PDB file of N, CA and C in Angstrom:
ATOM      1  N   MET A   1     135.417 165.082 127.928  1.00  0.00           N
ATOM      2  CA  MET A   1     134.649 164.463 127.091  1.00  0.00           C
ATOM      3  C   MET A   1     135.512 164.017 125.690  1.00  0.00           C
ATOM      4  N   SER A   2     135.351 162.805 125.681  1.00  0.00           N
ATOM      5  CA  SER A   2     136.341 162.495 124.603  1.00  0.00           C
ATOM      6  C   SER A   2     135.947 163.050 123.047  1.00  0.00           C
ATOM      7  N   GLY A   3     136.954 162.909 122.549  1.00  0.00           N
ATOM      8  CA  GLY A   3     137.408 163.792 121.315  1.00  0.00           C
ATOM      9  C   GLY A   3     136.173 162.809 120.082  1.00  0.00           C
ATOM     10  N   ARG A   4     135.755 161.488 120.150  1.00  0.00           N
ATOM     11  CA  ARG A   4     135.222 160.731 119.257  1.00  0.00           C
ATOM     12  C   ARG A   4     133.501 160.980 119.935  1.00  0.00           C
ATOM     13  N   PHE A   5     133.548 161.392 121.266  1.00  0.00           N
ATOM     14  CA  PHE A   5     131.950 161.862 121.492  1.00  0.00           C
ATOM     15  C   PHE A   5     131.897 162.921 120.755  1.00  0.00           C
ATOM     16  N   LYS A   6     132.658 163.973 121.194  1.00  0.00           N
ATOM     17  CA  LYS A   6     132.437 165.901 121.137  1.00  0.00           C
ATOM     18  C   LYS A   6     132.118 165.849 119.337  1.00  0.00           C
ATOM     19  N   PHE A   7     133.087 164.603 118.392  1.00  0.00           N
ATOM     20  CA  PHE A   7     132.782 164.554 116.915  1.00  0.00           C
ATOM     21  C   PHE A   7     131.267 163.852 116.676  1.00  0.00           C
ATOM     22  N   ARG A   8     130.993 163.194 117.548  1.00  0.00           N
ATOM     23  CA  ARG A   8     129.836 162.486 117.064  1.00  0.00           C
ATOM     24  C   ARG A   8     128.612 163.916 117.437  1.00  0.00           C
ATOM     25  N   ALA A   9     128.528 164.505 118.475  1.00  0.00           N
ATOM     26  CA  ALA A   9     127.778 165.610 118.735  1.00  0.00           C
ATOM     27  C   ALA A   9     127.773 166.085 117.769  1.00  0.00           C
ATOM     28  N   LEU A  10     129.371 166.767 117.208  1.00  0.00           N
ATOM     29  CA  LEU A  10     128.963 167.941 116.394  1.00  0.00           C
ATOM     30  C   LEU A  10     128.356 167.523 114.527  1.00  0.00           C
ATOM     31  N   GLY A  11     128.496 166.053 114.214  1.00  0.00           N
ATOM     32  CA  GLY A  11     127.998 165.386 113.506  1.00  0.00           C
ATOM     33  C   GLY A  11     126.358 165.501 113.984  1.00  0.00           C
ATOM     34  N   LEU A  12     125.782 165.342 115.015  1.00  0.00           N
ATOM     35  CA  LEU A  12     124.310 165.117 115.032  1.00  0.00           C
ATOM     36  C   LEU A  12     123.800 166.674 114.534  1.00  0.00           C
ATOM     37  N   PHE A  13     124.694 167.781 115.306  1.00  0.00           N
ATOM     38  CA  PHE A  13     124.403 168.678 115.346  1.00  0.00           C
ATOM     39  C   PHE A  13     124.165 169.131 113.428  1.00  0.00           C
ATOM     40  N   VAL A  14     125.304 169.019 112.946  1.00  0.00           N
ATOM     41  CA  VAL A  14     124.769 169.297 111.566  1.00  0.00           C
ATOM     42  C   VAL A  14     123.863 168.651 111.212  1.00  0.00           C
ATOM     43  N   GLY A  15     123.820 167.474 111.419  1.00  0.00           N
ATOM     44  CA  GLY A  15     122.185 166.577 110.796  1.00  0.00           C
ATOM     45  C   GLY A  15     121.070 167.494 111.156  1.00  0.00           C
ATOM     46  N   LEU A  16     121.140 168.048 112.208  1.00  0.00           N
ATOM     47  CA  LEU A  16     120.101 168.673 112.904  1.00  0.00           C
ATOM     48  C   LEU A  16     119.969 170.201 111.977  1.00  0.00           C
ATOM     49  N   LEU A  17     120.454 170.871 111.406  1.00  0.00           N
ATOM     50  CA  LEU A  17     120.296 171.734 111.060  1.00  0.00           C
ATOM     51  C   LEU A  17     119.897 171.757 109.465  1.00  0.00           C
ATOM     52  N   SER A  18     120.012 170.271 109.578  1.00  0.00           N
ATOM     53  CA  SER A  18     119.334 169.984 107.818  1.00  0.00           C
ATOM     54  C   SER A  18     117.782 170.132 107.756  1.00  0.00           C
ATOM     55  N   CYS A  19     117.692 170.394 109.165  1.00  0.00           N
ATOM     56  CA  CYS A  19     115.438 170.331 109.384  1.00  0.00           C
ATOM     57  C   CYS A  19     115.334 171.642 109.345  1.00  0.00           C
ATOM     58  N   TRP A  20     116.238 172.641 109.245  1.00  0.00           N
ATOM     59  CA  TRP A  20     115.962 174.009 109.834  1.00  0.00           C
ATOM     60  C   TRP A  20     115.463 174.726 108.291  1.00  0.00           C
ATOM     61  N   PRO A  21     114.209 175.245 108.649  1.00  0.00           N
ATOM     62  CA  PRO A  21     113.746 175.925 107.031  1.00  0.00           C
ATOM     63  C   PRO A  21     114.943 176.842 106.281  1.00  0.00           C
ATOM     64  N   THR A  22     114.703 177.168 105.294  1.00  0.00           N
ATOM     65  CA  THR A  22     114.976 177.199 104.835  1.00  0.00           C
ATOM     66  C   THR A  22     115.737 178.999 104.225  1.00  0.00           C
ATOM     67  N   ASN A  23     114.439 179.720 104.673  1.00  0.00           N
ATOM     68  CA  ASN A  23     113.992 181.362 104.473  1.00  0.00           C
ATOM     69  C   ASN A  23     115.258 181.691 105.542  1.00  0.00           C
ATOM     70  N   VAL A  24     116.001 182.043 106.366  1.00  0.00           N
ATOM     71  CA  VAL A  24     116.837 182.401 106.771  1.00  0.00           C
ATOM     72  C   VAL A  24     117.204 183.090 106.558  1.00  0.00           C
ATOM     73  N   ASP A  25     117.482 184.471 106.772  1.00  0.00           N
ATOM     74  CA  ASP A  25     118.076 185.353 106.573  1.00  0.00           C
ATOM     75  C   ASP A  25     119.363 185.717 107.615  1.00  0.00           C
ATOM     76  N   ALA A  26     120.396 187.401 107.006  1.00  0.00           N
ATOM     77  CA  ALA A  26     121.247 187.753 107.725  1.00  0.00           C
ATOM     78  C   ALA A  26     121.129 188.096 109.194  1.00  0.00           C
ATOM     79  N   ALA A  27     119.519 188.493 109.494  1.00  0.00           N
ATOM     80  CA  ALA A  27     118.874 188.918 110.781  1.00  0.00           C
ATOM     81  C   ALA A  27     118.469 188.116 111.678  1.00  0.00           C
ATOM     82  N   ASN A  28     118.725 186.961 110.964  1.00  0.00           N
ATOM     83  CA  ASN A  28     118.238 185.538 112.198  1.00  0.00           C
ATOM     84  C   ASN A  28     119.505 184.264 112.266  1.00  0.00           C
ATOM     85  N   LEU A  29     120.480 184.964 111.951  1.00  0.00           N
ATOM     86  CA  LEU A  29     121.452 184.092 111.584  1.00  0.00           C
ATOM     87  C   LEU A  29     122.437 183.693 113.425  1.00  0.00           C
ATOM     88  N   SER A  30     122.491 182.639 113.771  1.00  0.00           N
ATOM     89  CA  SER A  30     122.440 182.584 115.131  1.00  0.00           C
ATOM     90  C   SER A  30     123.332 182.792 115.541  1.00  0.00           C
ATOM     91  N   LYS A  31     123.746 182.752 117.240  1.00  0.00           N
ATOM     92  CA  LYS A  31     125.407 183.119 117.502  1.00  0.00           C
ATOM     93  C   LYS A  31     126.345 182.464 116.868  1.00  0.00           C
ATOM     94  N   ALA A  32     126.072 181.110 117.174  1.00  0.00           N
ATOM     95  CA  ALA A  32     127.003 180.646 116.532  1.00  0.00           C
ATOM     96  C   ALA A  32     127.163 181.234 114.970  1.00  0.00           C
ATOM     97  N   ALA A  33     126.192 180.837 114.173  1.00  0.00           N
ATOM     98  CA  ALA A  33     126.325 181.155 112.959  1.00  0.00           C
ATOM     99  C   ALA A  33     127.665 182.564 112.711  1.00  0.00           C
ATOM    100  N   GLN A  34     126.775 183.791 112.984  1.00  0.00           N
ATOM    101  CA  GLN A  34     127.568 185.239 113.420  1.00  0.00           C
ATOM    102  C   GLN A  34     128.871 185.342 113.974  1.00  0.00           C
ATOM    103  N   ARG A  35     129.076 184.208 115.036  1.00  0.00           N
ATOM    104  CA  ARG A  35     130.399 183.569 115.118  1.00  0.00           C
ATOM    105  C   ARG A  35     131.603 182.830 114.200  1.00  0.00           C
ATOM    106  N   GLY A  36     130.366 181.885 113.637  1.00  0.00           N
ATOM    107  CA  GLY A  36     131.575 181.206 112.446  1.00  0.00           C
ATOM    108  C   GLY A  36     131.922 182.420 111.330  1.00  0.00           C
ATOM    109  N   ARG A  37     131.026 182.896 111.294  1.00  0.00           N
ATOM    110  CA  ARG A  37     130.786 184.096 109.966  1.00  0.00           C
ATOM    111  C   ARG A  37     132.193 185.207 110.232  1.00  0.00           C
ATOM    112  N   THR A  38     132.725 185.535 112.323  1.00  0.00           N
ATOM    113  CA  THR A  38     133.409 186.410 112.102  1.00  0.00           C
ATOM    114  C   THR A  38     135.174 185.279 112.265  1.00  0.00           C
ATOM    115  N   ILE A  39     135.247 184.164 112.569  1.00  0.00           N
ATOM    116  CA  ILE A  39     136.307 183.147 112.642  1.00  0.00           C
ATOM    117  C   ILE A  39     136.760 183.323 111.091  1.00  0.00           C
ATOM    118  N   LEU A  40     135.545 182.822 110.459  1.00  0.00           N
ATOM    119  CA  LEU A  40     135.935 183.134 108.771  1.00  0.00           C
ATOM    120  C   LEU A  40     137.141 184.673 108.210  1.00  0.00           C
ATOM    121  N   GLN A  41     136.172 185.574 108.966  1.00  0.00           N
ATOM    122  CA  GLN A  41     136.534 186.277 108.317  1.00  0.00           C
ATOM    123  C   GLN A  41     138.149 186.711 108.840  1.00  0.00           C
ATOM    124  N   GLU A  42     138.487 186.270 110.443  1.00  0.00           N
ATOM    125  CA  GLU A  42     139.500 186.793 110.605  1.00  0.00           C
ATOM    126  C   GLU A  42     140.947 185.731 110.547  1.00  0.00           C
ATOM    127  N   ARG A  43     140.428 184.312 110.043  1.00  0.00           N
ATOM    128  CA  ARG A  43     140.927 183.596 109.698  1.00  0.00           C
ATOM    129  C   ARG A  43     141.954 182.891 108.017  1.00  0.00           C
ATOM    130  N   CYS A  44     140.640 183.377 107.853  1.00  0.00           N
ATOM    131  CA  CYS A  44     140.029 182.248 106.316  1.00  0.00           C
ATOM    132  C   CYS A  44     140.156 183.437 104.969  1.00  0.00           C
ATOM    133  N   GLY A  45     139.297 184.743 105.604  1.00  0.00           N
ATOM    134  CA  GLY A  45     138.809 185.985 104.842  1.00  0.00           C
ATOM    135  C   GLY A  45     140.258 186.763 103.781  1.00  0.00           C
ATOM    136  N   ARG A  46     140.890 186.587 104.347  1.00  0.00           N
ATOM    137  CA  ARG A  46     142.112 187.781 103.322  1.00  0.00           C
ATOM    138  C   ARG A  46     142.490 186.702 102.422  1.00  0.00           C
ATOM    139  N   CYS A  47     142.118 185.688 102.126  1.00  0.00           N
ATOM    140  CA  CYS A  47     141.995 184.218 100.882  1.00  0.00           C
ATOM    141  C   CYS A  47     141.578 184.340 100.151  1.00  0.00           C
ATOM    142  N   HIS A  48     140.035 183.616 101.572  1.00  0.00           N
ATOM    143  CA  HIS A  48     139.081 183.075 100.482  1.00  0.00           C
ATOM    144  C   HIS A  48     138.105 183.821 100.306  1.00  0.00           C
ATOM    145  N   ALA A  49     136.871 184.260  99.807  1.00  0.00           N
ATOM    146  CA  ALA A  49     135.438 184.653  99.848  1.00  0.00           C
ATOM    147  C   ALA A  49     134.640 184.235 101.210  1.00  0.00           C
ATOM    148  N   ILE A  50     133.757 184.467 101.746  1.00  0.00           N
ATOM    149  CA  ILE A  50     133.605 183.706 103.072  1.00  0.00           C
ATOM    150  C   ILE A  50     131.784 184.302 103.211  1.00  0.00           C
ATOM    151  N   LYS A  51     131.176 184.941 101.759  1.00  0.00           N
ATOM    152  CA  LYS A  51     130.137 185.211 101.957  1.00  0.00           C
ATOM    153  C   LYS A  51     129.042 184.581 100.503  1.00  0.00           C
ATOM    154  N   SER A  52     128.010 184.491 100.911  1.00  0.00           N
ATOM    155  CA  SER A  52     127.423 183.865 100.120  1.00  0.00           C
ATOM    156  C   SER A  52     127.505 184.109  98.069  1.00  0.00           C
ATOM    157  N   VAL A  53     127.926 185.454  97.851  1.00  0.00           N
ATOM    158  CA  VAL A  53     128.580 185.369  96.633  1.00  0.00           C
ATOM    159  C   VAL A  53     129.494 186.602  96.663  1.00  0.00           C
ATOM    160  N   GLY A  54     130.415 186.244  95.831  1.00  0.00           N
ATOM    161  CA  GLY A  54     131.312 187.171  95.672  1.00  0.00           C
ATOM    162  C   GLY A  54     133.151 186.156  95.042  1.00  0.00           C
ATOM    163  N   GLU A  55     133.825 186.572  94.606  1.00  0.00           N
ATOM    164  CA  GLU A  55     135.366 186.400  94.618  1.00  0.00           C
ATOM    165  C   GLU A  55     136.352 186.102  95.834  1.00  0.00           C
ATOM    166  N   SER A  56     137.069 185.648  95.580  1.00  0.00           N
ATOM    167  CA  SER A  56     137.657 185.194  96.543  1.00  0.00           C
ATOM    168  C   SER A  56     138.793 186.834  96.125  1.00  0.00           C
ATOM    169  N   PRO A  57     139.331 186.699  97.189  1.00  0.00           N
ATOM    170  CA  PRO A  57     140.550 188.054  97.449  1.00  0.00           C
ATOM    171  C   PRO A  57     141.996 187.296  96.749  1.00  0.00           C
ATOM    172  N   LEU A  58     141.627 186.454  96.368  1.00  0.00           N
ATOM    173  CA  LEU A  58     143.251 185.285  96.187  1.00  0.00           C
ATOM    174  C   LEU A  58     142.634 184.612  95.340  1.00  0.00           C
ATOM    175  N   GLU A  59     142.816 184.596  93.774  1.00  0.00           N
ATOM    176  CA  GLU A  59     142.706 184.417  93.140  1.00  0.00           C
ATOM    177  C   GLU A  59     141.943 182.853  92.861  1.00  0.00           C
ATOM    178  N   ASN A  60     143.366 181.665  93.394  1.00  0.00           N
ATOM    179  CA  ASN A  60     143.634 180.370  93.409  1.00  0.00           C
ATOM    180  C   ASN A  60     142.619 179.753  95.025  1.00  0.00           C
ATOM    181  N   ALA A  61     142.107 180.783  95.519  1.00  0.00           N
ATOM    182  CA  ALA A  61     141.449 180.359  96.331  1.00  0.00           C
ATOM    183  C   ALA A  61     139.818 180.244  96.531  1.00  0.00           C
ATOM    184  N   PRO A  62     139.401 179.041  96.298  1.00  0.00           N
ATOM    185  CA  PRO A  62     137.610 178.683  96.550  1.00  0.00           C
ATOM    186  C   PRO A  62     136.793 179.640  97.616  1.00  0.00           C
ATOM    187  N   PRO A  63     136.127 180.034  96.949  1.00  0.00           N
ATOM    188  CA  PRO A  63     135.038 180.579  98.756  1.00  0.00           C
ATOM    189  C   PRO A  63     134.881 179.578  98.816  1.00  0.00           C
ATOM    190  N   MET A  64     134.566 179.886 100.367  1.00  0.00           N
ATOM    191  CA  MET A  64     134.233 178.779 101.263  1.00  0.00           C
ATOM    192  C   MET A  64     132.781 177.823 101.023  1.00  0.00           C
ATOM    193  N   ARG A  65     132.500 179.194 100.708  1.00  0.00           N
ATOM    194  CA  ARG A  65     130.946 178.232  99.783  1.00  0.00           C
ATOM    195  C   ARG A  65     130.897 176.867  99.103  1.00  0.00           C
ATOM    196  N   ASP A  66     132.283 177.297  98.400  1.00  0.00           N
ATOM    197  CA  ASP A  66     132.736 175.864  97.548  1.00  0.00           C
ATOM    198  C   ASP A  66     132.845 175.147  98.120  1.00  0.00           C
ATOM    199  N   ILE A  67     133.829 175.226  99.146  1.00  0.00           N
ATOM    200  CA  ILE A  67     134.470 174.278  99.438  1.00  0.00           C
ATOM    201  C   ILE A  67     133.507 173.282 100.324  1.00  0.00           C
ATOM    202  N   TYR A  68     132.423 174.062 100.960  1.00  0.00           N
ATOM    203  CA  TYR A  68     131.797 173.282 102.324  1.00  0.00           C
ATOM    204  C   TYR A  68     130.626 172.561 100.978  1.00  0.00           C
ATOM    205  N   ALA A  69     130.008 173.152  99.384  1.00  0.00           N
ATOM    206  CA  ALA A  69     129.248 172.313  99.090  1.00  0.00           C
ATOM    207  C   ALA A  69     130.386 170.916  98.390  1.00  0.00           C
ATOM    208  N   ARG A  70     131.671 171.057  98.417  1.00  0.00           N
ATOM    209  CA  ARG A  70     132.061 169.641  97.939  1.00  0.00           C
ATOM    210  C   ARG A  70     132.462 168.964  98.679  1.00  0.00           C
ATOM    211  N   PHE A  71     132.599 169.329 100.190  1.00  0.00           N
ATOM    212  CA  PHE A  71     133.486 168.203 100.885  1.00  0.00           C
ATOM    213  C   PHE A  71     131.987 167.718 101.893  1.00  0.00           C
ATOM    214  N   ASN A  72     132.159 165.998 101.793  1.00  0.00           N
ATOM    215  CA  ASN A  72     131.255 165.621 102.742  1.00  0.00           C
ATOM    216  C   ASN A  72     131.425 166.108 103.919  1.00  0.00           C
ATOM    217  N   ARG A  73     129.890 166.634 105.106  1.00  0.00           N
ATOM    218  CA  ARG A  73     130.150 167.649 105.818  1.00  0.00           C
ATOM    219  C   ARG A  73     130.943 166.750 107.337  1.00  0.00           C
ATOM    220  N   ARG A  74     130.667 165.613 107.032  1.00  0.00           N
ATOM    221  CA  ARG A  74     132.025 164.732 108.596  1.00  0.00           C
ATOM    222  C   ARG A  74     133.813 165.397 108.116  1.00  0.00           C
ATOM    223  N   GLU A  75     133.574 164.944 106.935  1.00  0.00           N
ATOM    224  CA  GLU A  75     135.300 165.206 106.286  1.00  0.00           C
ATOM    225  C   GLU A  75     135.526 166.313 106.348  1.00  0.00           C
ATOM    226  N   LEU A  76     134.257 167.844 106.163  1.00  0.00           N
ATOM    227  CA  LEU A  76     135.204 169.117 106.404  1.00  0.00           C
ATOM    228  C   LEU A  76     135.208 169.376 107.796  1.00  0.00           C
ATOM    229  N   GLN A  77     134.454 168.281 108.708  1.00  0.00           N
ATOM    230  CA  GLN A  77     134.866 168.963 109.976  1.00  0.00           C
ATOM    231  C   GLN A  77     135.618 168.037 110.778  1.00  0.00           C
ATOM    232  N   ALA A  78     136.225 167.118 110.489  1.00  0.00           N
ATOM    233  CA  ALA A  78     137.383 166.712 110.809  1.00  0.00           C
ATOM    234  C   ALA A  78     139.028 167.659 109.973  1.00  0.00           C
ATOM    235  N   GLU A  79     138.795 167.955 109.025  1.00  0.00           N
ATOM    236  CA  GLU A  79     139.828 168.924 108.118  1.00  0.00           C
ATOM    237  C   GLU A  79     139.971 169.629 108.971  1.00  0.00           C
ATOM    238  N   LEU A  80     138.479 170.683 109.137  1.00  0.00           N
ATOM    239  CA  LEU A  80     138.515 171.775 110.659  1.00  0.00           C
ATOM    240  C   LEU A  80     139.222 171.809 111.575  1.00  0.00           C
ATOM    241  N   SER A  81     138.848 170.466 112.352  1.00  0.00           N
ATOM    242  CA  SER A  81     139.260 170.178 113.792  1.00  0.00           C
ATOM    243  C   SER A  81     140.642 169.701 113.314  1.00  0.00           C
ATOM    244  N   GLU A  82     141.387 169.404 112.205  1.00  0.00           N
ATOM    245  CA  GLU A  82     142.653 168.297 112.685  1.00  0.00           C
ATOM    246  C   GLU A  82     143.421 169.563 111.693  1.00  0.00           C
ATOM    247  N   GLY A  83     143.283 170.696 110.983  1.00  0.00           N
ATOM    248  CA  GLY A  83     144.159 171.369 110.462  1.00  0.00           C
ATOM    249  C   GLY A  83     144.003 171.059 108.716  1.00  0.00           C
ATOM    250  N   MET A  84     143.550 171.762 108.270  1.00  0.00           N
ATOM    251  CA  MET A  84     143.038 171.240 106.723  1.00  0.00           C
ATOM    252  C   MET A  84     144.479 171.759 106.159  1.00  0.00           C
ATOM    253  N   VAL A  85     145.122 170.538 105.376  1.00  0.00           N
ATOM    254  CA  VAL A  85     145.991 170.825 104.447  1.00  0.00           C
ATOM    255  C   VAL A  85     145.843 170.834 102.948  1.00  0.00           C
ATOM    256  N   SER A  86     146.673 171.827 102.715  1.00  0.00           N
ATOM    257  CA  SER A  86     145.898 172.045 101.765  1.00  0.00           C
ATOM    258  C   SER A  86     147.661 172.142 100.671  1.00  0.00           C
ATOM    259  N   LYS A  87     147.324 171.489  99.052  1.00  0.00           N
ATOM    260  CA  LYS A  87     148.446 171.661  97.859  1.00  0.00           C
ATOM    261  C   LYS A  87     149.500 173.711  98.112  1.00  0.00           C
ATOM    262  N   HIS A  88     148.631 174.143  98.812  1.00  0.00           N
ATOM    263  CA  HIS A  88     148.897 175.816  98.039  1.00  0.00           C
ATOM    264  C   HIS A  88     149.989 175.372  99.591  1.00  0.00           C
ATOM    265  N   ARG A  89     151.363 175.624  99.479  1.00  0.00           N
ATOM    266  CA  ARG A  89     152.265 176.176  99.978  1.00  0.00           C
ATOM    267  C   ARG A  89     152.441 177.080 101.108  1.00  0.00           C
ATOM    268  N   ASP A  90     151.493 178.254 100.793  1.00  0.00           N
ATOM    269  CA  ASP A  90     151.255 179.568 101.418  1.00  0.00           C
ATOM    270  C   ASP A  90     150.255 179.792 102.423  1.00  0.00           C
ATOM    271  N   MET A  91     149.477 178.204 102.237  1.00  0.00           N
ATOM    272  CA  MET A  91     148.472 177.993 102.909  1.00  0.00           C
ATOM    273  C   MET A  91     148.475 177.919 104.879  1.00  0.00           C
ATOM    274  N   PRO A  92     148.466 178.602 105.460  1.00  0.00           N
ATOM    275  CA  PRO A  92     148.379 178.018 106.987  1.00  0.00           C
ATOM    276  C   PRO A  92     147.646 177.189 106.944  1.00  0.00           C
ATOM    277  N   GLN A  93     147.996 175.690 108.385  1.00  0.00           N
ATOM    278  CA  GLN A  93     147.375 175.178 108.787  1.00  0.00           C
ATOM    279  C   GLN A  93     146.733 175.555 110.220  1.00  0.00           C
ATOM    280  N   ILE A  94     145.542 175.503 110.232  1.00  0.00           N
ATOM    281  CA  ILE A  94     144.559 176.029 111.544  1.00  0.00           C
ATOM    282  C   ILE A  94     143.921 174.602 111.595  1.00  0.00           C
ATOM    283  N   GLU A  95     143.925 174.939 113.431  1.00  0.00           N
ATOM    284  CA  GLU A  95     143.437 173.864 113.813  1.00  0.00           C
ATOM    285  C   GLU A  95     142.173 174.224 114.410  1.00  0.00           C
ATOM    286  N   PHE A  96     140.634 174.706 114.158  1.00  0.00           N
ATOM    287  CA  PHE A  96     139.998 175.174 115.122  1.00  0.00           C
ATOM    288  C   PHE A  96     139.492 174.032 115.864  1.00  0.00           C
ATOM    289  N   SER A  97     138.959 174.785 117.349  1.00  0.00           N
ATOM    290  CA  SER A  97     138.356 174.052 118.571  1.00  0.00           C
ATOM    291  C   SER A  97     136.928 173.835 117.815  1.00  0.00           C
ATOM    292  N   ASP A  98     136.155 172.322 118.804  1.00  0.00           N
ATOM    293  CA  ASP A  98     135.480 171.919 118.178  1.00  0.00           C
ATOM    294  C   ASP A  98     133.994 173.138 118.542  1.00  0.00           C
ATOM    295  N   GLU A  99     134.151 174.190 119.019  1.00  0.00           N
ATOM    296  CA  GLU A  99     133.361 175.029 119.113  1.00  0.00           C
ATOM    297  C   GLU A  99     133.438 175.692 118.005  1.00  0.00           C
ATOM    298  N   ASP A 100     134.831 176.317 117.876  1.00  0.00           N
ATOM    299  CA  ASP A 100     134.955 177.291 116.409  1.00  0.00           C
ATOM    300  C   ASP A 100     134.496 176.417 115.184  1.00  0.00           C
ATOM    301  N   VAL A 101     134.674 174.847 115.287  1.00  0.00           N
ATOM    302  CA  VAL A 101     134.415 174.044 113.847  1.00  0.00           C
ATOM    303  C   VAL A 101     132.288 174.341 113.952  1.00  0.00           C
ATOM    304  N   TYR A 102     131.646 174.173 115.338  1.00  0.00           N
ATOM    305  CA  TYR A 102     130.657 174.063 114.802  1.00  0.00           C
ATOM    306  C   TYR A 102     129.916 175.487 114.677  1.00  0.00           C
ATOM    307  N   ALA A 103     130.934 176.498 115.200  1.00  0.00           N
ATOM    308  CA  ALA A 103     130.405 177.946 114.622  1.00  0.00           C
ATOM    309  C   ALA A 103     130.394 178.128 113.114  1.00  0.00           C
ATOM    310  N   ILE A 104     131.258 177.694 112.821  1.00  0.00           N
ATOM    311  CA  ILE A 104     131.908 177.937 111.088  1.00  0.00           C
ATOM    312  C   ILE A 104     131.099 176.689 110.366  1.00  0.00           C
ATOM    313  N   MET A 105     130.728 175.632 110.983  1.00  0.00           N
ATOM    314  CA  MET A 105     129.689 175.313 110.116  1.00  0.00           C
ATOM    315  C   MET A 105     128.183 175.354 109.758  1.00  0.00           C
ATOM    316  N   SER A 106     127.524 176.234 111.130  1.00  0.00           N
ATOM    317  CA  SER A 106     126.694 176.892 111.005  1.00  0.00           C
ATOM    318  C   SER A 106     126.558 177.822 110.570  1.00  0.00           C
ATOM    319  N   TYR A 107     127.545 178.534 110.084  1.00  0.00           N
ATOM    320  CA  TYR A 107     127.656 179.803 109.040  1.00  0.00           C
ATOM    321  C   TYR A 107     127.809 179.166 108.259  1.00  0.00           C
ATOM    322  N   LEU A 108     128.003 178.291 107.506  1.00  0.00           N
ATOM    323  CA  LEU A 108     127.869 177.872 106.486  1.00  0.00           C
ATOM    324  C   LEU A 108     127.029 176.782 105.647  1.00  0.00           C
ATOM    325  N   TYR A 109     126.220 176.388 106.240  1.00  0.00           N
ATOM    326  CA  TYR A 109     125.005 176.148 106.440  1.00  0.00           C
ATOM    327  C   TYR A 109     123.858 176.885 106.141  1.00  0.00           C
ATOM    328  N   ILE A 110     123.674 178.250 106.506  1.00  0.00           N
ATOM    329  CA  ILE A 110     123.123 179.178 106.377  1.00  0.00           C
ATOM    330  C   ILE A 110     123.416 179.678 104.967  1.00  0.00           C
ATOM    331  N   LEU A 111     124.860 179.747 104.772  1.00  0.00           N
ATOM    332  CA  LEU A 111     124.901 180.424 103.550  1.00  0.00           C
ATOM    333  C   LEU A 111     124.495 179.442 101.996  1.00  0.00           C
ATOM    334  N   ALA A 112     124.375 178.017 102.346  1.00  0.00           N
ATOM    335  CA  ALA A 112     124.375 176.586 101.534  1.00  0.00           C
ATOM    336  C   ALA A 112     122.672 177.484 101.460  1.00  0.00           C
ATOM    337  N   VAL A 113     122.068 177.252 102.509  1.00  0.00           N
ATOM    338  CA  VAL A 113     120.419 177.032 102.192  1.00  0.00           C
ATOM    339  C   VAL A 113     120.430 178.229 101.461  1.00  0.00           C
ATOM    340  N   ARG A 114     120.437 179.072 101.309  1.00  0.00           N
ATOM    341  CA  ARG A 114     120.236 180.279 100.697  1.00  0.00           C
ATOM    342  C   ARG A 114     120.320 180.671  99.172  1.00  0.00           C
ATOM    343  N   LYS A 115     121.322 179.497  98.450  1.00  0.00           N
ATOM    344  CA  LYS A 115     121.325 179.140  97.034  1.00  0.00           C
ATOM    345  C   LYS A 115     120.229 179.186  97.195  1.00  0.00           C
TER     346      LYS A 115
END
């Protein structure tokens, strides 16, 4: 599968997510969203808050829910796929697989609809 096709398919999925009901709770998280939460906890949770409430462990690191709200969805997908670049020199560049991006975006979407 070409990268362009995968990116478009991921964009289609995120668009379809916007049709989900907003009364989703933790018990109803999809497997992808559960995986996304795990990925964020392992790779980002040391500095960024990954839940729907709470402060980030690192004072200058925005919560992932805020990052999701600030970015255009396609831009965030691209940033996650290509390795997020930060002005903060200690932030590692992590390139997530397409499957990981799908899982992360699924989880962040669910956090957004809870707000």
